[in-house]
Every structure is written in C-alpha cells, then in structure tokens.
Amino acid sequence: MVLFVKNNYLRLLILFFLIWIFSSCASSKITVEKLEENQKVKEENSEASNGWIQIGSQKFEMAFTCYKTKLGEVAAIGNGEDTKTGESTEALIQAFAGKPYVGLLKNGSTMFEASLNETLDLLVDNFEITAGAISWQKNLDLETGYSEVAGFGSLFVNCEKFESDLLEEKFSN
C-alpha cells in the first residue's frame, strides 16, 4: 500500500514537472515572438528616422523631409512620436540666413521654440543640419513675450536629398 501511494505521488510529481516544462516552453515562445515583433517595429521606426531634436532630457526621433530654396537656404519638416508617451511630434527647422527658426509641436498643443533672447546658430554642411546649443522655451505668448524655460538641447538632421522649394511648389499650383 505504501509503495502504491509513493508511485502515485511520483507520477503526480512527474506529471506536474512535464506540465511545467511544456507551459514554460510555450510562454518562452510567446515572449520571444513579442520581442521579435518589438525589434521589427524599432527597426522600421529607426529606418524612417533621419534626425532628432533634444529638449532637456527628452530626445525626439523624427522623419524629416528637407527643402532647398533657389537661394540655397534650407528648411526641414519632421514628424515623429514621443516614445515615452506615444504623443505625436511635428518640427519645423528653417536655416535661413539672418532668420533661423526651430520649433517643435508636441501632441498638437505644446509648442517648443528656440528662445528669442538667445542666438540660434544652425549649421548646414552638405546634407546635414545641426545645432549644438539651443535654449528652448515653451508656450511663448507673442503679445506679452512670456514663455516657460524648457531647457537646453540640440538637433541633428541628415538630409539624404532635398526637395524643391516648398513655397514655390505651393504658389505654382
């Protein structure tokens, strides 16, 4: 009788062990599949991204389209997503002589712009637009001049090609 009870406990233990092994393998397979899917999404997003804007500790990867005017001035328009919050981001960079501008709109409501009180130096070198030190402000009110300090940052855009002048396209249609 004791031998019979031991055999049943041993069989139950083996059965439990086999169930545990098979369930572990199944959940591992699901985990590996999810990791592979996440990696594919990251690779697709990184392929589309050709630049970034940094504001304080936040870095926004974006896909930019670059434009060049007949005078050789460069502009870039970018779209992306905040990886932490999933909010949409849009950017405008104008590397125009004497009137450079950088702005980032987050989720259609929060506007970040290069400070009007600081010099903005944008460098265009062949197919790259860069800025090493930008003093960012948030939610500028043009009537009162009030804005919130958003921190310091920089930007980088790799323009693989330049489209024709954006304004020229709009007025020729």
C-alpha atoms as a PDB file:
ATOM      1  CA  MET A   1       0.000   0.000   0.000  1.00  0.00           C
ATOM      2  CA  VAL A   2       2.810   2.434   0.878  1.00  0.00           C
ATOM      3  CA  LEU A   3       4.526   1.580  -2.394  1.00  0.00           C
ATOM      4  CA  PHE A   4       1.279   2.309  -4.280  1.00  0.00           C
ATOM      5  CA  VAL A   5       0.951   5.765  -2.642  1.00  0.00           C
ATOM      6  CA  LYS A   6       4.617   6.591  -3.377  1.00  0.00           C
ATOM      7  CA  ASN A   7       4.149   5.647  -7.026  1.00  0.00           C
ATOM      8  CA  ASN A   8       1.093   7.895  -7.324  1.00  0.00           C
ATOM      9  CA  TYR A   9       2.953  10.822  -5.741  1.00  0.00           C
ATOM     10  CA  LEU A  10       5.894  10.143  -8.012  1.00  0.00           C
ATOM     11  CA  ARG A  11       3.583  10.036 -11.071  1.00  0.00           C
ATOM     12  CA  LEU A  12       1.888  13.253  -9.984  1.00  0.00           C
ATOM     13  CA  LEU A  13       5.258  14.901  -9.457  1.00  0.00           C
ATOM     14  CA  ILE A  14       6.450  13.799 -12.918  1.00  0.00           C
ATOM     15  CA  LEU A  15       3.155  14.936 -14.476  1.00  0.00           C
ATOM     16  CA  PHE A  16       3.433  18.331 -12.753  1.00  0.00           C
ATOM     17  CA  PHE A  17       7.049  18.630 -13.909  1.00  0.00           C
ATOM     18  CA  LEU A  18       6.099  17.832 -17.546  1.00  0.00           C
ATOM     19  CA  ILE A  19       3.234  20.346 -17.487  1.00  0.00           C
ATOM     20  CA  TRP A  20       5.572  22.973 -16.075  1.00  0.00           C
ATOM     21  CA  ILE A  21       8.180  22.291 -18.814  1.00  0.00           C
ATOM     22  CA  PHE A  22       5.629  22.480 -21.637  1.00  0.00           C
ATOM     23  CA  SER A  23       3.993  25.633 -20.282  1.00  0.00           C
ATOM     24  CA  SER A  24       7.419  27.251 -19.834  1.00  0.00           C
ATOM     25  CA  CYS A  25       8.348  26.456 -23.415  1.00  0.00           C
ATOM     26  CA  ALA A  26       5.057  27.835 -24.692  1.00  0.00           C
ATOM     27  CA  SER A  27       5.341  31.076 -22.728  1.00  0.00           C
ATOM     28  CA  SER A  28       9.008  31.422 -23.770  1.00  0.00           C
ATOM     29  CA  LYS A  29       7.970  31.094 -27.398  1.00  0.00           C
ATOM     30  CA  ILE A  30       5.342  33.824 -26.945  1.00  0.00           C
ATOM     31  CA  THR A  31       7.900  36.052 -25.193  1.00  0.00           C
ATOM     32  CA  VAL A  32      10.432  35.531 -27.983  1.00  0.00           C
ATOM     33  CA  GLU A  33       7.775  36.319 -30.613  1.00  0.00           C
ATOM     34  CA  LYS A  34       6.825  39.544 -28.798  1.00  0.00           C
ATOM     35  CA  LEU A  35      10.486  40.567 -28.517  1.00  0.00           C
ATOM     36  CA  GLU A  36      10.977  39.914 -32.241  1.00  0.00           C
ATOM     37  CA  GLU A  37       7.877  41.999 -33.081  1.00  0.00           C
ATOM     38  CA  ASN A  38       9.118  44.885 -30.903  1.00  0.00           C
ATOM     39  CA  GLN A  39      12.541  44.717 -32.570  1.00  0.00           C
ATOM     40  CA  LYS A  40      10.939  44.865 -36.038  1.00  0.00           C
ATOM     41  CA  VAL A  41       8.884  47.929 -35.036  1.00  0.00           C
ATOM     42  CA  LYS A  42      12.009  49.656 -33.679  1.00  0.00           C
ATOM     43  CA  GLU A  43      13.941  48.850 -36.865  1.00  0.00           C
ATOM     44  CA  GLU A  44      11.119  50.208 -39.045  1.00  0.00           C
ATOM     45  CA  ASN A  45      10.956  53.414 -36.980  1.00  0.00           C
ATOM     46  CA  SER A  46      14.722  53.850 -36.977  1.00  0.00           C
ATOM     47  CA  GLU A  47      14.848  53.401 -40.762  1.00  0.00           C
ATOM     48  CA  ALA A  48      12.284  56.153 -41.194  1.00  0.00           C
ATOM     49  CA  SER A  49      14.086  58.441 -38.758  1.00  0.00           C
ATOM     50  CA  ASN A  50      16.754  60.667 -40.243  1.00  0.00           C
ATOM     51  CA  GLY A  51      17.107  63.122 -37.397  1.00  0.00           C
ATOM     52  CA  TRP A  52      16.347  64.098 -33.840  1.00  0.00           C
ATOM     53  CA  ILE A  53      15.634  67.073 -31.639  1.00  0.00           C
ATOM     54  CA  GLN A  54      16.701  67.168 -27.997  1.00  0.00           C
ATOM     55  CA  ILE A  55      14.971  69.369 -25.439  1.00  0.00           C
ATOM     56  CA  GLY A  56      16.415  68.943 -21.958  1.00  0.00           C
ATOM     57  CA  SER A  57      16.496  65.220 -21.255  1.00  0.00           C
ATOM     58  CA  GLN A  58      13.895  64.407 -23.935  1.00  0.00           C
ATOM     59  CA  LYS A  59      15.049  63.247 -27.358  1.00  0.00           C
ATOM     60  CA  PHE A  60      12.560  63.090 -30.230  1.00  0.00           C
ATOM     61  CA  GLU A  61      13.459  60.839 -33.188  1.00  0.00           C
ATOM     62  CA  MET A  62      11.801  62.122 -36.340  1.00  0.00           C
ATOM     63  CA  ALA A  63      11.471  61.559 -40.070  1.00  0.00           C
ATOM     64  CA  PHE A  64      12.392  64.802 -41.846  1.00  0.00           C
ATOM     65  CA  THR A  65      11.750  65.995 -45.379  1.00  0.00           C
ATOM     66  CA  CYS A  66      14.320  68.586 -46.420  1.00  0.00           C
ATOM     67  CA  TYR A  67      13.766  71.509 -48.788  1.00  0.00           C
ATOM     68  CA  LYS A  68      16.153  73.903 -50.500  1.00  0.00           C
ATOM     69  CA  THR A  69      15.181  77.302 -51.933  1.00  0.00           C
ATOM     70  CA  LYS A  70      16.593  78.787 -55.124  1.00  0.00           C
ATOM     71  CA  LEU A  71      18.777  80.956 -52.892  1.00  0.00           C
ATOM     72  CA  GLY A  72      20.265  77.829 -51.286  1.00  0.00           C
ATOM     73  CA  GLU A  73      18.517  78.261 -47.951  1.00  0.00           C
ATOM     74  CA  VAL A  74      17.430  75.047 -46.251  1.00  0.00           C
ATOM     75  CA  ALA A  75      14.302  74.049 -44.338  1.00  0.00           C
ATOM     76  CA  ALA A  76      13.211  70.714 -42.869  1.00  0.00           C
ATOM     77  CA  ILE A  77       9.812  69.497 -41.735  1.00  0.00           C
ATOM     78  CA  GLY A  78       9.706  66.477 -39.438  1.00  0.00           C
ATOM     79  CA  ASN A  79       7.150  64.113 -37.972  1.00  0.00           C
ATOM     80  CA  GLY A  80       7.543  61.586 -35.208  1.00  0.00           C
ATOM     81  CA  GLU A  81       6.250  60.219 -31.951  1.00  0.00           C
ATOM     82  CA  ASP A  82       7.313  60.658 -28.346  1.00  0.00           C
ATOM     83  CA  THR A  83       8.479  57.148 -27.442  1.00  0.00           C
ATOM     84  CA  LYS A  84       7.610  57.636 -23.758  1.00  0.00           C
ATOM     85  CA  THR A  85       4.060  58.953 -24.144  1.00  0.00           C
ATOM     86  CA  GLY A  86       3.091  57.996 -27.704  1.00  0.00           C
ATOM     87  CA  GLU A  87       2.175  61.628 -28.451  1.00  0.00           C
ATOM     88  CA  SER A  88       2.728  62.926 -31.979  1.00  0.00           C
ATOM     89  CA  THR A  89       5.500  65.422 -32.688  1.00  0.00           C
ATOM     90  CA  GLU A  90       5.989  67.833 -35.580  1.00  0.00           C
ATOM     91  CA  ALA A  91       9.010  70.026 -36.198  1.00  0.00           C
ATOM     92  CA  LEU A  92       9.968  72.940 -38.415  1.00  0.00           C
ATOM     93  CA  ILE A  93      13.591  73.928 -38.955  1.00  0.00           C
ATOM     94  CA  GLN A  94      14.448  76.959 -41.092  1.00  0.00           C
ATOM     95  CA  ALA A  95      18.151  77.540 -41.656  1.00  0.00           C
ATOM     96  CA  PHE A  96      17.575  80.876 -43.351  1.00  0.00           C
ATOM     97  CA  ALA A  97      20.329  83.495 -43.341  1.00  0.00           C
ATOM     98  CA  GLY A  98      19.556  86.075 -40.647  1.00  0.00           C
ATOM     99  CA  LYS A  99      16.244  84.451 -39.622  1.00  0.00           C
ATOM    100  CA  PRO A 100      16.827  80.893 -38.404  1.00  0.00           C
ATOM    101  CA  TYR A 101      13.934  79.193 -36.625  1.00  0.00           C
ATOM    102  CA  VAL A 102      13.351  75.894 -34.819  1.00  0.00           C
ATOM    103  CA  GLY A 103      10.019  74.794 -33.406  1.00  0.00           C
ATOM    104  CA  LEU A 104       8.550  71.526 -32.175  1.00  0.00           C
ATOM    105  CA  LEU A 105       4.848  70.914 -31.617  1.00  0.00           C
ATOM    106  CA  LYS A 106       4.037  68.048 -29.268  1.00  0.00           C
ATOM    107  CA  ASN A 107       0.588  66.446 -29.357  1.00  0.00           C
ATOM    108  CA  GLY A 108      -0.833  69.432 -31.223  1.00  0.00           C
ATOM    109  CA  SER A 109      -0.810  71.599 -28.093  1.00  0.00           C
ATOM    110  CA  THR A 110       2.613  72.118 -26.505  1.00  0.00           C
ATOM    111  CA  MET A 111       4.904  74.336 -28.551  1.00  0.00           C
ATOM    112  CA  PHE A 112       8.662  74.358 -28.001  1.00  0.00           C
ATOM    113  CA  GLU A 113      10.707  77.053 -29.772  1.00  0.00           C
ATOM    114  CA  ALA A 114      14.263  78.264 -29.714  1.00  0.00           C
ATOM    115  CA  SER A 115      14.485  81.208 -27.337  1.00  0.00           C
ATOM    116  CA  LEU A 116      14.056  84.624 -28.917  1.00  0.00           C
ATOM    117  CA  ASN A 117      16.516  86.059 -26.371  1.00  0.00           C
ATOM    118  CA  GLU A 118      19.396  83.770 -27.395  1.00  0.00           C
ATOM    119  CA  THR A 119      21.303  83.459 -30.653  1.00  0.00           C
ATOM    120  CA  LEU A 120      20.306  80.433 -32.713  1.00  0.00           C
ATOM    121  CA  ASP A 121      23.152  79.016 -34.777  1.00  0.00           C
ATOM    122  CA  LEU A 122      22.096  76.413 -37.316  1.00  0.00           C
ATOM    123  CA  LEU A 123      24.857  74.821 -39.363  1.00  0.00           C
ATOM    124  CA  VAL A 124      24.145  73.383 -42.806  1.00  0.00           C
ATOM    125  CA  ASP A 125      27.038  71.251 -44.022  1.00  0.00           C
ATOM    126  CA  ASN A 126      26.383  69.360 -47.267  1.00  0.00           C
ATOM    127  CA  PHE A 127      23.466  67.113 -46.319  1.00  0.00           C
ATOM    128  CA  GLU A 128      23.351  67.749 -42.556  1.00  0.00           C
ATOM    129  CA  ILE A 129      21.601  70.368 -40.441  1.00  0.00           C
ATOM    130  CA  THR A 130      22.931  70.685 -36.882  1.00  0.00           C
ATOM    131  CA  ALA A 131      22.718  72.943 -33.866  1.00  0.00           C
ATOM    132  CA  GLY A 132      24.931  72.345 -30.867  1.00  0.00           C
ATOM    133  CA  ALA A 133      23.296  74.541 -28.241  1.00  0.00           C
ATOM    134  CA  ILE A 134      19.679  75.641 -28.294  1.00  0.00           C
ATOM    135  CA  SER A 135      17.971  77.417 -25.419  1.00  0.00           C
ATOM    136  CA  TRP A 136      14.388  76.126 -25.591  1.00  0.00           C
ATOM    137  CA  GLN A 137      11.258  77.893 -24.396  1.00  0.00           C
ATOM    138  CA  LYS A 138       7.752  76.528 -24.088  1.00  0.00           C
ATOM    139  CA  ASN A 139       4.365  78.091 -24.889  1.00  0.00           C
ATOM    140  CA  LEU A 140       5.554  81.540 -25.981  1.00  0.00           C
ATOM    141  CA  ASP A 141       2.892  84.252 -25.870  1.00  0.00           C
ATOM    142  CA  LEU A 142       3.810  86.744 -28.608  1.00  0.00           C
ATOM    143  CA  GLU A 143       1.637  89.502 -27.141  1.00  0.00           C
ATOM    144  CA  THR A 144       3.206  89.508 -23.686  1.00  0.00           C
ATOM    145  CA  GLY A 145       6.531  87.852 -24.521  1.00  0.00           C
ATOM    146  CA  TYR A 146       6.001  85.403 -21.652  1.00  0.00           C
ATOM    147  CA  SER A 147       7.284  81.859 -22.015  1.00  0.00           C
ATOM    148  CA  GLU A 148       8.429  78.989 -19.808  1.00  0.00           C
ATOM    149  CA  VAL A 149      12.047  77.823 -19.867  1.00  0.00           C
ATOM    150  CA  ALA A 150      12.153  74.290 -21.297  1.00  0.00           C
ATOM    151  CA  GLY A 151      15.904  73.658 -21.028  1.00  0.00           C
ATOM    152  CA  PHE A 152      18.843  73.356 -23.372  1.00  0.00           C
ATOM    153  CA  GLY A 153      19.237  70.958 -26.264  1.00  0.00           C
ATOM    154  CA  SER A 154      20.392  70.391 -29.796  1.00  0.00           C
ATOM    155  CA  LEU A 155      19.315  68.917 -33.115  1.00  0.00           C
ATOM    156  CA  PHE A 156      20.574  66.842 -36.000  1.00  0.00           C
ATOM    157  CA  VAL A 157      19.015  66.146 -39.414  1.00  0.00           C
ATOM    158  CA  ASN A 158      20.548  64.045 -42.168  1.00  0.00           C
ATOM    159  CA  CYS A 159      19.040  65.232 -45.442  1.00  0.00           C
ATOM    160  CA  GLU A 160      19.595  62.412 -47.905  1.00  0.00           C
ATOM    161  CA  LYS A 161      18.046  64.582 -50.618  1.00  0.00           C
ATOM    162  CA  PHE A 162      16.469  67.994 -50.946  1.00  0.00           C
ATOM    163  CA  GLU A 163      13.019  68.589 -52.374  1.00  0.00           C
ATOM    164  CA  SER A 164      12.368  71.739 -54.377  1.00  0.00           C
ATOM    165  CA  ASP A 165      11.368  74.943 -52.626  1.00  0.00           C
ATOM    166  CA  LEU A 166       8.256  74.339 -50.500  1.00  0.00           C
ATOM    167  CA  LEU A 167       6.791  77.821 -51.100  1.00  0.00           C
ATOM    168  CA  GLU A 168       7.499  77.631 -54.823  1.00  0.00           C
ATOM    169  CA  GLU A 169       5.511  74.380 -55.011  1.00  0.00           C
ATOM    170  CA  LYS A 170       2.549  75.900 -53.156  1.00  0.00           C
ATOM    171  CA  PHE A 171       2.341  79.043 -55.313  1.00  0.00           C
ATOM    172  CA  SER A 172       2.846  77.294 -58.653  1.00  0.00           C
ATOM    173  CA  ASN A 173      -0.298  75.151 -58.177  1.00  0.00           C
END
